[in-house]
Each structure stands twice: as structure tokens, then as C-alpha cells.
Amino acid sequence: MPRRSALQQLSRQFAHATAQMDWDALEKLTAILAKNLPLLAARGAWNEIEQIELLQLRKNHALAVKICSEEKERLGKRLGELQANKEGWVAYASLGEFDPDGNSA
């Protein structure tokens, strides 16, 4: 596949997976990028059009990294909240299932 087409395809796939927050796809694309970018670069100097496509891929990849980092931070905060409330959840669980009036659910 020509380098330009390969770069365009990867760039579109990163943009789509990022927009969908498709973490599995982003993981696979990152592995594909890590494997194939050095192979593409080994073909010689990038021409001007390829450089433009490479820059777009770099931007789409950077956005994916940013979105993943933000989601990681959000999940970390949520896990921290759950951990902070763990004792309360365990206490309720040990009482069995009751509605707010004390009746069995």
C-alpha cells in the first residue's frame, strides 16, 4: 500500500475510534502504528504530501492520547469515590436488602 494511503487510513481510523471512545480499537491501532510507522519510514524520505498526512496522523493520535488520559483520570476519580464509600456499602450489604423504611425488599 502506498505510504500516503496507509497514513490516511490510520489517521481516519484513529479519528473514528477516538470519536466513538472505542478503547479496544485505539489499543489495536496503537499497536498497528508502532509496528508499521517504522516500516513506512524505512522506505525513504517523506515527500511533501506524505508529510502533511503524517502530521494529520500525529494530530489524530495526539487527540486519542488526550481523550484516553482524560478517561483514565475520570475513572481513577470514580474508583477513588467507590473506595472511599466502601465501608458504607459493606455495612448496607451486611444488613441484607432493605428499603429506606426498613422493610424487606
PDB file of N, CA and C in Angstrom:
ATOM      1  N   MET A   1       0.848  -1.173   0.000  1.00  0.00           N
ATOM      2  CA  MET A   1       0.000   0.000   0.000  1.00  0.00           C
ATOM      3  C   MET A   1       0.894   1.236   0.000  1.00  0.00           C
ATOM      4  N   PRO A   2       0.566   2.216  -0.823  1.00  0.00           N
ATOM      5  CA  PRO A   2       1.343   3.463  -0.824  1.00  0.00           C
ATOM      6  C   PRO A   2       1.337   4.117   0.565  1.00  0.00           C
ATOM      7  N   ARG A   3       2.417   4.782   0.895  1.00  0.00           N
ATOM      8  CA  ARG A   3       2.530   5.390   2.228  1.00  0.00           C
ATOM      9  C   ARG A   3       1.418   6.379   2.499  1.00  0.00           C
ATOM     10  N   ARG A   4       1.098   7.186   1.497  1.00  0.00           N
ATOM     11  CA  ARG A   4       0.055   8.192   1.705  1.00  0.00           C
ATOM     12  C   ARG A   4      -1.269   7.530   2.087  1.00  0.00           C
ATOM     13  N   SER A   5      -1.628   6.490   1.389  1.00  0.00           N
ATOM     14  CA  SER A   5      -2.877   5.776   1.684  1.00  0.00           C
ATOM     15  C   SER A   5      -2.845   5.148   3.066  1.00  0.00           C
ATOM     16  N   ALA A   6      -1.716   4.566   3.421  1.00  0.00           N
ATOM     17  CA  ALA A   6      -1.581   3.942   4.740  1.00  0.00           C
ATOM     18  C   ALA A   6      -1.733   4.988   5.844  1.00  0.00           C
ATOM     19  N   LEU A   7      -1.101   6.139   5.669  1.00  0.00           N
ATOM     20  CA  LEU A   7      -1.198   7.211   6.658  1.00  0.00           C
ATOM     21  C   LEU A   7      -2.627   7.728   6.761  1.00  0.00           C
ATOM     22  N   GLN A   8      -3.281   7.919   5.624  1.00  0.00           N
ATOM     23  CA  GLN A   8      -4.663   8.401   5.617  1.00  0.00           C
ATOM     24  C   GLN A   8      -5.589   7.408   6.323  1.00  0.00           C
ATOM     25  N   GLN A   9      -5.402   6.142   6.025  1.00  0.00           N
ATOM     26  CA  GLN A   9      -6.252   5.114   6.625  1.00  0.00           C
ATOM     27  C   GLN A   9      -6.075   5.080   8.145  1.00  0.00           C
ATOM     28  N   LEU A  10      -4.846   5.075   8.606  1.00  0.00           N
ATOM     29  CA  LEU A  10      -4.590   5.085  10.047  1.00  0.00           C
ATOM     30  C   LEU A  10      -5.163   6.342  10.702  1.00  0.00           C
ATOM     31  N   SER A  11      -4.995   7.460  10.047  1.00  0.00           N
ATOM     32  CA  SER A  11      -5.491   8.724  10.578  1.00  0.00           C
ATOM     33  C   SER A  11      -7.011   8.686  10.727  1.00  0.00           C
ATOM     34  N   ARG A  12      -7.713   8.214   9.690  1.00  0.00           N
ATOM     35  CA  ARG A  12      -9.177   8.104   9.744  1.00  0.00           C
ATOM     36  C   ARG A  12      -9.611   7.135  10.845  1.00  0.00           C
ATOM     37  N   GLN A  13      -8.907   6.025  10.958  1.00  0.00           N
ATOM     38  CA  GLN A  13      -9.261   5.038  11.973  1.00  0.00           C
ATOM     39  C   GLN A  13      -9.063   5.590  13.381  1.00  0.00           C
ATOM     40  N   PHE A  14      -7.993   6.323  13.595  1.00  0.00           N
ATOM     41  CA  PHE A  14      -7.774   6.948  14.910  1.00  0.00           C
ATOM     42  C   PHE A  14      -8.876   7.960  15.201  1.00  0.00           C
ATOM     43  N   ALA A  15      -9.219   8.770  14.218  1.00  0.00           N
ATOM     44  CA  ALA A  15     -10.262   9.779  14.420  1.00  0.00           C
ATOM     45  C   ALA A  15     -11.595   9.112  14.760  1.00  0.00           C
ATOM     46  N   HIS A  16     -11.934   8.061  14.041  1.00  0.00           N
ATOM     47  CA  HIS A  16     -13.204   7.372  14.272  1.00  0.00           C
ATOM     48  C   HIS A  16     -13.219   6.702  15.657  1.00  0.00           C
ATOM     49  N   ALA A  17     -12.172   5.963  15.979  1.00  0.00           N
ATOM     50  CA  ALA A  17     -12.114   5.262  17.271  1.00  0.00           C
ATOM     51  C   ALA A  17     -12.131   6.255  18.434  1.00  0.00           C
ATOM     52  N   THR A  18     -11.473   7.388  18.264  1.00  0.00           N
ATOM     53  CA  THR A  18     -11.466   8.414  19.307  1.00  0.00           C
ATOM     54  C   THR A  18     -12.861   8.984  19.496  1.00  0.00           C
ATOM     55  N   ALA A  19     -13.529   9.300  18.398  1.00  0.00           N
ATOM     56  CA  ALA A  19     -14.884   9.857  18.473  1.00  0.00           C
ATOM     57  C   ALA A  19     -15.851   8.875  19.138  1.00  0.00           C
ATOM     58  N   GLN A  20     -15.651   7.586  18.895  1.00  0.00           N
ATOM     59  CA  GLN A  20     -16.517   6.553  19.469  1.00  0.00           C
ATOM     60  C   GLN A  20     -16.089   6.142  20.879  1.00  0.00           C
ATOM     61  N   MET A  21     -14.934   6.644  21.310  1.00  0.00           N
ATOM     62  CA  MET A  21     -14.336   6.220  22.581  1.00  0.00           C
ATOM     63  C   MET A  21     -14.232   4.697  22.613  1.00  0.00           C
ATOM     64  N   ASP A  22     -13.766   4.166  21.508  1.00  0.00           N
ATOM     65  CA  ASP A  22     -13.607   2.723  21.343  1.00  0.00           C
ATOM     66  C   ASP A  22     -12.204   2.338  21.815  1.00  0.00           C
ATOM     67  N   TRP A  23     -12.099   2.027  23.096  1.00  0.00           N
ATOM     68  CA  TRP A  23     -10.809   1.793  23.725  1.00  0.00           C
ATOM     69  C   TRP A  23     -10.097   0.586  23.122  1.00  0.00           C
ATOM     70  N   ASP A  24     -10.846  -0.467  22.804  1.00  0.00           N
ATOM     71  CA  ASP A  24     -10.228  -1.651  22.196  1.00  0.00           C
ATOM     72  C   ASP A  24      -9.629  -1.326  20.834  1.00  0.00           C
ATOM     73  N   ALA A  25     -10.373  -0.568  20.028  1.00  0.00           N
ATOM     74  CA  ALA A  25      -9.871  -0.178  18.709  1.00  0.00           C
ATOM     75  C   ALA A  25      -8.636   0.706  18.839  1.00  0.00           C
ATOM     76  N   LEU A  26      -8.653   1.628  19.792  1.00  0.00           N
ATOM     77  CA  LEU A  26      -7.496   2.500  19.989  1.00  0.00           C
ATOM     78  C   LEU A  26      -6.266   1.708  20.412  1.00  0.00           C
ATOM     79  N   GLU A  27      -6.470   0.704  21.234  1.00  0.00           N
ATOM     80  CA  GLU A  27      -5.347  -0.142  21.642  1.00  0.00           C
ATOM     81  C   GLU A  27      -4.759  -0.867  20.429  1.00  0.00           C
ATOM     82  N   LYS A  28      -5.628  -1.428  19.589  1.00  0.00           N
ATOM     83  CA  LYS A  28      -5.172  -2.143  18.395  1.00  0.00           C
ATOM     84  C   LYS A  28      -4.486  -1.201  17.418  1.00  0.00           C
ATOM     85  N   LEU A  29      -5.068  -0.019  17.228  1.00  0.00           N
ATOM     86  CA  LEU A  29      -4.478   0.953  16.303  1.00  0.00           C
ATOM     87  C   LEU A  29      -3.109   1.422  16.774  1.00  0.00           C
ATOM     88  N   THR A  30      -2.958   1.580  18.070  1.00  0.00           N
ATOM     89  CA  THR A  30      -1.661   1.988  18.606  1.00  0.00           C
ATOM     90  C   THR A  30      -0.607   0.928  18.319  1.00  0.00           C
ATOM     91  N   ALA A  31      -0.977  -0.334  18.464  1.00  0.00           N
ATOM     92  CA  ALA A  31      -0.047  -1.425  18.146  1.00  0.00           C
ATOM     93  C   ALA A  31       0.285  -1.446  16.667  1.00  0.00           C
ATOM     94  N   ILE A  32      -0.720  -1.233  15.832  1.00  0.00           N
ATOM     95  CA  ILE A  32      -0.502  -1.187  14.375  1.00  0.00           C
ATOM     96  C   ILE A  32       0.428  -0.034  14.020  1.00  0.00           C
ATOM     97  N   LEU A  33       0.177   1.128  14.629  1.00  0.00           N
ATOM     98  CA  LEU A  33       1.013   2.301  14.370  1.00  0.00           C
ATOM     99  C   LEU A  33       2.460   2.030  14.778  1.00  0.00           C
ATOM    100  N   ALA A  34       2.644   1.466  15.964  1.00  0.00           N
ATOM    101  CA  ALA A  34       4.002   1.191  16.456  1.00  0.00           C
ATOM    102  C   ALA A  34       4.736   0.213  15.543  1.00  0.00           C
ATOM    103  N   LYS A  35       4.013  -0.721  14.992  1.00  0.00           N
ATOM    104  CA  LYS A  35       4.630  -1.716  14.119  1.00  0.00           C
ATOM    105  C   LYS A  35       4.911  -1.149  12.719  1.00  0.00           C
ATOM    106  N   ASN A  36       3.947  -0.426  12.166  1.00  0.00           N
ATOM    107  CA  ASN A  36       4.023  -0.042  10.757  1.00  0.00           C
ATOM    108  C   ASN A  36       4.697   1.288  10.464  1.00  0.00           C
ATOM    109  N   LEU A  37       4.667   2.221  11.403  1.00  0.00           N
ATOM    110  CA  LEU A  37       5.282   3.517  11.121  1.00  0.00           C
ATOM    111  C   LEU A  37       6.780   3.401  10.837  1.00  0.00           C
ATOM    112  N   PRO A  38       7.531   2.624  11.611  1.00  0.00           N
ATOM    113  CA  PRO A  38       8.953   2.464  11.269  1.00  0.00           C
ATOM    114  C   PRO A  38       9.157   1.804   9.894  1.00  0.00           C
ATOM    115  N   LEU A  39       8.267   0.884   9.539  1.00  0.00           N
ATOM    116  CA  LEU A  39       8.368   0.240   8.223  1.00  0.00           C
ATOM    117  C   LEU A  39       8.100   1.246   7.099  1.00  0.00           C
ATOM    118  N   LEU A  40       7.117   2.104   7.321  1.00  0.00           N
ATOM    119  CA  LEU A  40       6.823   3.142   6.322  1.00  0.00           C
ATOM    120  C   LEU A  40       7.982   4.130   6.213  1.00  0.00           C
ATOM    121  N   ALA A  41       8.543   4.500   7.350  1.00  0.00           N
ATOM    122  CA  ALA A  41       9.659   5.451   7.351  1.00  0.00           C
ATOM    123  C   ALA A  41      10.898   4.865   6.669  1.00  0.00           C
ATOM    124  N   ALA A  42      11.050   3.559   6.764  1.00  0.00           N
ATOM    125  CA  ALA A  42      12.223   2.902   6.176  1.00  0.00           C
ATOM    126  C   ALA A  42      12.220   2.950   4.646  1.00  0.00           C
ATOM    127  N   ARG A  43      11.104   3.326   4.066  1.00  0.00           N
ATOM    128  CA  ARG A  43      11.010   3.407   2.599  1.00  0.00           C
ATOM    129  C   ARG A  43      11.725   4.627   2.026  1.00  0.00           C
ATOM    130  N   GLY A  44      12.204   5.495   2.870  1.00  0.00           N
ATOM    131  CA  GLY A  44      12.916   6.667   2.380  1.00  0.00           C
ATOM    132  C   GLY A  44      12.297   7.963   2.866  1.00  0.00           C
ATOM    133  N   ALA A  45      12.816   9.051   2.345  1.00  0.00           N
ATOM    134  CA  ALA A  45      12.351  10.377   2.770  1.00  0.00           C
ATOM    135  C   ALA A  45      10.869  10.555   2.432  1.00  0.00           C
ATOM    136  N   TRP A  46      10.185  11.261   3.324  1.00  0.00           N
ATOM    137  CA  TRP A  46       8.769  11.556   3.119  1.00  0.00           C
ATOM    138  C   TRP A  46       8.657  12.716   2.128  1.00  0.00           C
ATOM    139  N   ASN A  47       7.769  12.597   1.134  1.00  0.00           N
ATOM    140  CA  ASN A  47       7.540  13.735   0.248  1.00  0.00           C
ATOM    141  C   ASN A  47       6.595  14.717   0.946  1.00  0.00           C
ATOM    142  N   GLU A  48       6.361  15.850   0.331  1.00  0.00           N
ATOM    143  CA  GLU A  48       5.569  16.910   0.970  1.00  0.00           C
ATOM    144  C   GLU A  48       4.148  16.454   1.308  1.00  0.00           C
ATOM    145  N   ILE A  49       3.505  15.743   0.412  1.00  0.00           N
ATOM    146  CA  ILE A  49       2.136  15.269   0.656  1.00  0.00           C
ATOM    147  C   ILE A  49       2.123  14.249   1.794  1.00  0.00           C
ATOM    148  N   GLU A  50       3.095  13.359   1.813  1.00  0.00           N
ATOM    149  CA  GLU A  50       3.187  12.376   2.890  1.00  0.00           C
ATOM    150  C   GLU A  50       3.442  13.049   4.231  1.00  0.00           C
ATOM    151  N   GLN A  51       4.228  14.107   4.235  1.00  0.00           N
ATOM    152  CA  GLN A  51       4.489  14.843   5.472  1.00  0.00           C
ATOM    153  C   GLN A  51       3.204  15.458   6.020  1.00  0.00           C
ATOM    154  N   ILE A  52       2.375  15.957   5.112  1.00  0.00           N
ATOM    155  CA  ILE A  52       1.082  16.534   5.527  1.00  0.00           C
ATOM    156  C   ILE A  52       0.199  15.437   6.136  1.00  0.00           C
ATOM    157  N   GLU A  53       0.163  14.280   5.490  1.00  0.00           N
ATOM    158  CA  GLU A  53      -0.634  13.158   6.006  1.00  0.00           C
ATOM    159  C   GLU A  53      -0.075  12.661   7.342  1.00  0.00           C
ATOM    160  N   LEU A  54       1.235  12.623   7.445  1.00  0.00           N
ATOM    161  CA  LEU A  54       1.884  12.206   8.687  1.00  0.00           C
ATOM    162  C   LEU A  54       1.548  13.183   9.816  1.00  0.00           C
ATOM    163  N   LEU A  55       1.531  14.460   9.521  1.00  0.00           N
ATOM    164  CA  LEU A  55       1.173  15.469  10.517  1.00  0.00           C
ATOM    165  C   LEU A  55      -0.273  15.285  10.978  1.00  0.00           C
ATOM    166  N   GLN A  56      -1.180  14.993  10.037  1.00  0.00           N
ATOM    167  CA  GLN A  56      -2.586  14.764  10.399  1.00  0.00           C
ATOM    168  C   GLN A  56      -2.721  13.516  11.273  1.00  0.00           C
ATOM    169  N   LEU A  57      -1.994  12.474  10.926  1.00  0.00           N
ATOM    170  CA  LEU A  57      -1.998  11.257  11.746  1.00  0.00           C
ATOM    171  C   LEU A  57      -1.481  11.573  13.143  1.00  0.00           C
ATOM    172  N   ARG A  58      -0.426  12.343  13.216  1.00  0.00           N
ATOM    173  CA  ARG A  58       0.148  12.719  14.514  1.00  0.00           C
ATOM    174  C   ARG A  58      -0.876  13.491  15.349  1.00  0.00           C
ATOM    175  N   LYS A  59      -1.622  14.399  14.714  1.00  0.00           N
ATOM    176  CA  LYS A  59      -2.656  15.166  15.426  1.00  0.00           C
ATOM    177  C   LYS A  59      -3.772  14.246  15.924  1.00  0.00           C
ATOM    178  N   ASN A  60      -4.220  13.319  15.069  1.00  0.00           N
ATOM    179  CA  ASN A  60      -5.289  12.404  15.469  1.00  0.00           C
ATOM    180  C   ASN A  60      -4.826  11.463  16.577  1.00  0.00           C
ATOM    181  N   HIS A  61      -3.584  11.038  16.508  1.00  0.00           N
ATOM    182  CA  HIS A  61      -3.040  10.180  17.562  1.00  0.00           C
ATOM    183  C   HIS A  61      -2.922  10.971  18.865  1.00  0.00           C
ATOM    184  N   ALA A  62      -2.459  12.204  18.794  1.00  0.00           N
ATOM    185  CA  ALA A  62      -2.328  13.044  19.997  1.00  0.00           C
ATOM    186  C   ALA A  62      -3.700  13.273  20.648  1.00  0.00           C
ATOM    187  N   LEU A  63      -4.734  13.470  19.833  1.00  0.00           N
ATOM    188  CA  LEU A  63      -6.083  13.639  20.376  1.00  0.00           C
ATOM    189  C   LEU A  63      -6.539  12.355  21.059  1.00  0.00           C
ATOM    190  N   ALA A  64      -6.238  11.216  20.455  1.00  0.00           N
ATOM    191  CA  ALA A  64      -6.592   9.927  21.068  1.00  0.00           C
ATOM    192  C   ALA A  64      -5.910   9.774  22.415  1.00  0.00           C
ATOM    193  N   VAL A  65      -4.645  10.127  22.489  1.00  0.00           N
ATOM    194  CA  VAL A  65      -3.899  10.045  23.753  1.00  0.00           C
ATOM    195  C   VAL A  65      -4.532  10.964  24.791  1.00  0.00           C
ATOM    196  N   LYS A  66      -4.909  12.161  24.387  1.00  0.00           N
ATOM    197  CA  LYS A  66      -5.534  13.123  25.302  1.00  0.00           C
ATOM    198  C   LYS A  66      -6.864  12.584  25.832  1.00  0.00           C
ATOM    199  N   ILE A  67      -7.705  12.062  24.952  1.00  0.00           N
ATOM    200  CA  ILE A  67      -9.005  11.531  25.360  1.00  0.00           C
ATOM    201  C   ILE A  67      -8.822  10.329  26.295  1.00  0.00           C
ATOM    202  N   CYS A  68      -7.877   9.463  25.973  1.00  0.00           N
ATOM    203  CA  CYS A  68      -7.603   8.307  26.836  1.00  0.00           C
ATOM    204  C   CYS A  68      -7.121   8.763  28.214  1.00  0.00           C
ATOM    205  N   SER A  69      -6.263   9.758  28.248  1.00  0.00           N
ATOM    206  CA  SER A  69      -5.760  10.276  29.525  1.00  0.00           C
ATOM    207  C   SER A  69      -6.878  10.878  30.359  1.00  0.00           C
ATOM    208  N   GLU A  70      -7.772  11.601  29.707  1.00  0.00           N
ATOM    209  CA  GLU A  70      -8.906  12.194  30.418  1.00  0.00           C
ATOM    210  C   GLU A  70      -9.827  11.111  30.972  1.00  0.00           C
ATOM    211  N   GLU A  71     -10.058  10.074  30.190  1.00  0.00           N
ATOM    212  CA  GLU A  71     -10.914   8.983  30.650  1.00  0.00           C
ATOM    213  C   GLU A  71     -10.250   8.226  31.797  1.00  0.00           C
ATOM    214  N   LYS A  72      -8.960   8.039  31.714  1.00  0.00           N
ATOM    215  CA  LYS A  72      -8.224   7.380  32.797  1.00  0.00           C
ATOM    216  C   LYS A  72      -8.359   8.190  34.084  1.00  0.00           C
ATOM    217  N   GLU A  73      -8.241   9.489  33.979  1.00  0.00           N
ATOM    218  CA  GLU A  73      -8.374  10.356  35.153  1.00  0.00           C
ATOM    219  C   GLU A  73      -9.791  10.285  35.722  1.00  0.00           C
ATOM    220  N   ARG A  74     -10.795  10.316  34.842  1.00  0.00           N
ATOM    221  CA  ARG A  74     -12.185  10.243  35.278  1.00  0.00           C
ATOM    222  C   ARG A  74     -12.453   8.923  36.005  1.00  0.00           C
ATOM    223  N   LEU A  75     -11.983   7.825  35.419  1.00  0.00           N
ATOM    224  CA  LEU A  75     -12.184   6.519  36.045  1.00  0.00           C
ATOM    225  C   LEU A  75     -11.437   6.407  37.374  1.00  0.00           C
ATOM    226  N   GLY A  76     -10.252   6.984  37.435  1.00  0.00           N
ATOM    227  CA  GLY A  76      -9.495   6.977  38.683  1.00  0.00           C
ATOM    228  C   GLY A  76     -10.240   7.694  39.788  1.00  0.00           C
ATOM    229  N   LYS A  77     -10.839   8.829  39.456  1.00  0.00           N
ATOM    230  CA  LYS A  77     -11.618   9.570  40.455  1.00  0.00           C
ATOM    231  C   LYS A  77     -12.825   8.756  40.911  1.00  0.00           C
ATOM    232  N   ARG A  78     -13.488   8.122  39.950  1.00  0.00           N
ATOM    233  CA  ARG A  78     -14.678   7.317  40.279  1.00  0.00           C
ATOM    234  C   ARG A  78     -14.299   6.130  41.172  1.00  0.00           C
ATOM    235  N   LEU A  79     -13.206   5.474  40.846  1.00  0.00           N
ATOM    236  CA  LEU A  79     -12.743   4.363  41.679  1.00  0.00           C
ATOM    237  C   LEU A  79     -12.373   4.852  43.077  1.00  0.00           C
ATOM    238  N   GLY A  80     -11.785   6.030  43.154  1.00  0.00           N
ATOM    239  CA  GLY A  80     -11.465   6.614  44.456  1.00  0.00           C
ATOM    240  C   GLY A  80     -12.716   6.880  45.271  1.00  0.00           C
ATOM    241  N   GLU A  81     -13.768   7.383  44.616  1.00  0.00           N
ATOM    242  CA  GLU A  81     -15.037   7.626  45.302  1.00  0.00           C
ATOM    243  C   GLU A  81     -15.627   6.313  45.815  1.00  0.00           C
ATOM    244  N   LEU A  82     -15.588   5.298  44.970  1.00  0.00           N
ATOM    245  CA  LEU A  82     -16.121   3.999  45.386  1.00  0.00           C
ATOM    246  C   LEU A  82     -15.335   3.437  46.564  1.00  0.00           C
ATOM    247  N   GLN A  83     -14.019   3.569  46.515  1.00  0.00           N
ATOM    248  CA  GLN A  83     -13.179   3.077  47.609  1.00  0.00           C
ATOM    249  C   GLN A  83     -13.476   3.843  48.893  1.00  0.00           C
ATOM    250  N   ALA A  84     -13.688   5.152  48.766  1.00  0.00           N
ATOM    251  CA  ALA A  84     -13.967   5.968  49.947  1.00  0.00           C
ATOM    252  C   ALA A  84     -15.297   5.587  50.593  1.00  0.00           C
ATOM    253  N   ASN A  85     -16.236   5.099  49.803  1.00  0.00           N
ATOM    254  CA  ASN A  85     -17.560   4.725  50.317  1.00  0.00           C
ATOM    255  C   ASN A  85     -17.695   3.223  50.572  1.00  0.00           C
ATOM    256  N   LYS A  86     -16.597   2.510  50.465  1.00  0.00           N
ATOM    257  CA  LYS A  86     -16.621   1.053  50.573  1.00  0.00           C
ATOM    258  C   LYS A  86     -17.216   0.581  51.899  1.00  0.00           C
ATOM    259  N   GLU A  87     -16.814   1.186  52.993  1.00  0.00           N
ATOM    260  CA  GLU A  87     -17.307   0.755  54.295  1.00  0.00           C
ATOM    261  C   GLU A  87     -18.820   0.875  54.388  1.00  0.00           C
ATOM    262  N   GLY A  88     -19.355   1.947  53.865  1.00  0.00           N
ATOM    263  CA  GLY A  88     -20.808   2.135  53.869  1.00  0.00           C
ATOM    264  C   GLY A  88     -21.521   1.075  53.044  1.00  0.00           C
ATOM    265  N   TRP A  89     -20.980   0.776  51.874  1.00  0.00           N
ATOM    266  CA  TRP A  89     -21.587  -0.251  51.013  1.00  0.00           C
ATOM    267  C   TRP A  89     -21.549  -1.610  51.700  1.00  0.00           C
ATOM    268  N   VAL A  90     -20.429  -1.913  52.345  1.00  0.00           N
ATOM    269  CA  VAL A  90     -20.292  -3.197  53.039  1.00  0.00           C
ATOM    270  C   VAL A  90     -21.284  -3.262  54.195  1.00  0.00           C
ATOM    271  N   ALA A  91     -21.459  -2.174  54.926  1.00  0.00           N
ATOM    272  CA  ALA A  91     -22.401  -2.145  56.042  1.00  0.00           C
ATOM    273  C   ALA A  91     -23.822  -2.415  55.564  1.00  0.00           C
ATOM    274  N   TYR A  92     -24.225  -1.752  54.479  1.00  0.00           N
ATOM    275  CA  TYR A  92     -25.564  -1.988  53.939  1.00  0.00           C
ATOM    276  C   TYR A  92     -25.714  -3.425  53.469  1.00  0.00           C
ATOM    277  N   ALA A  93     -24.683  -3.948  52.825  1.00  0.00           N
ATOM    278  CA  ALA A  93     -24.742  -5.314  52.314  1.00  0.00           C
ATOM    279  C   ALA A  93     -24.871  -6.317  53.455  1.00  0.00           C
ATOM    280  N   SER A  94     -24.227  -6.054  54.589  1.00  0.00           N
ATOM    281  CA  SER A  94     -24.287  -6.992  55.708  1.00  0.00           C
ATOM    282  C   SER A  94     -25.666  -7.006  56.368  1.00  0.00           C
ATOM    283  N   LEU A  95     -26.440  -5.944  56.175  1.00  0.00           N
ATOM    284  CA  LEU A  95     -27.793  -5.875  56.741  1.00  0.00           C
ATOM    285  C   LEU A  95     -28.811  -6.607  55.873  1.00  0.00           C
ATOM    286  N   GLY A  96     -28.440  -6.954  54.688  1.00  0.00           N
ATOM    287  CA  GLY A  96     -29.391  -7.530  53.752  1.00  0.00           C
ATOM    288  C   GLY A  96     -30.031  -6.413  52.951  1.00  0.00           C
ATOM    289  N   GLU A  97     -30.983  -6.771  52.152  1.00  0.00           N
ATOM    290  CA  GLU A  97     -31.619  -5.762  51.287  1.00  0.00           C
ATOM    291  C   GLU A  97     -32.880  -5.236  51.960  1.00  0.00           C
ATOM    292  N   PHE A  98     -32.852  -3.956  52.345  1.00  0.00           N
ATOM    293  CA  PHE A  98     -33.990  -3.287  52.949  1.00  0.00           C
ATOM    294  C   PHE A  98     -34.242  -1.993  52.221  1.00  0.00           C
ATOM    295  N   ASP A  99     -35.528  -1.628  52.142  1.00  0.00           N
ATOM    296  CA  ASP A  99     -35.835  -0.328  51.561  1.00  0.00           C
ATOM    297  C   ASP A  99     -35.635   0.733  52.640  1.00  0.00           C
ATOM    298  N   PRO A 100     -35.737   2.029  52.300  1.00  0.00           N
ATOM    299  CA  PRO A 100     -35.475   3.078  53.305  1.00  0.00           C
ATOM    300  C   PRO A 100     -36.338   3.002  54.569  1.00  0.00           C
ATOM    301  N   ASP A 101     -37.520   2.331  54.501  1.00  0.00           N
ATOM    302  CA  ASP A 101     -38.399   2.212  55.670  1.00  0.00           C
ATOM    303  C   ASP A 101     -38.073   1.007  56.535  1.00  0.00           C
ATOM    304  N   GLY A 102     -37.050   0.228  56.152  1.00  0.00           N
ATOM    305  CA  GLY A 102     -36.662  -0.941  56.940  1.00  0.00           C
ATOM    306  C   GLY A 102     -37.399  -2.204  56.544  1.00  0.00           C
ATOM    307  N   ASN A 103     -38.204  -2.144  55.493  1.00  0.00           N
ATOM    308  CA  ASN A 103     -38.942  -3.325  55.052  1.00  0.00           C
ATOM    309  C   ASN A 103     -38.069  -4.166  54.134  1.00  0.00           C
ATOM    310  N   SER A 104     -38.269  -5.474  54.174  1.00  0.00           N
ATOM    311  CA  SER A 104     -37.523  -6.353  53.261  1.00  0.00           C
ATOM    312  C   SER A 104     -37.915  -6.034  51.831  1.00  0.00           C
ATOM    313  N   ALA A 105     -36.941  -6.020  50.980  1.00  0.00           N
ATOM    314  CA  ALA A 105     -37.201  -5.715  49.573  1.00  0.00           C
ATOM    315  C   ALA A 105     -37.602  -6.945  48.830  1.00  0.00           C
TER     316      ALA A 105
END
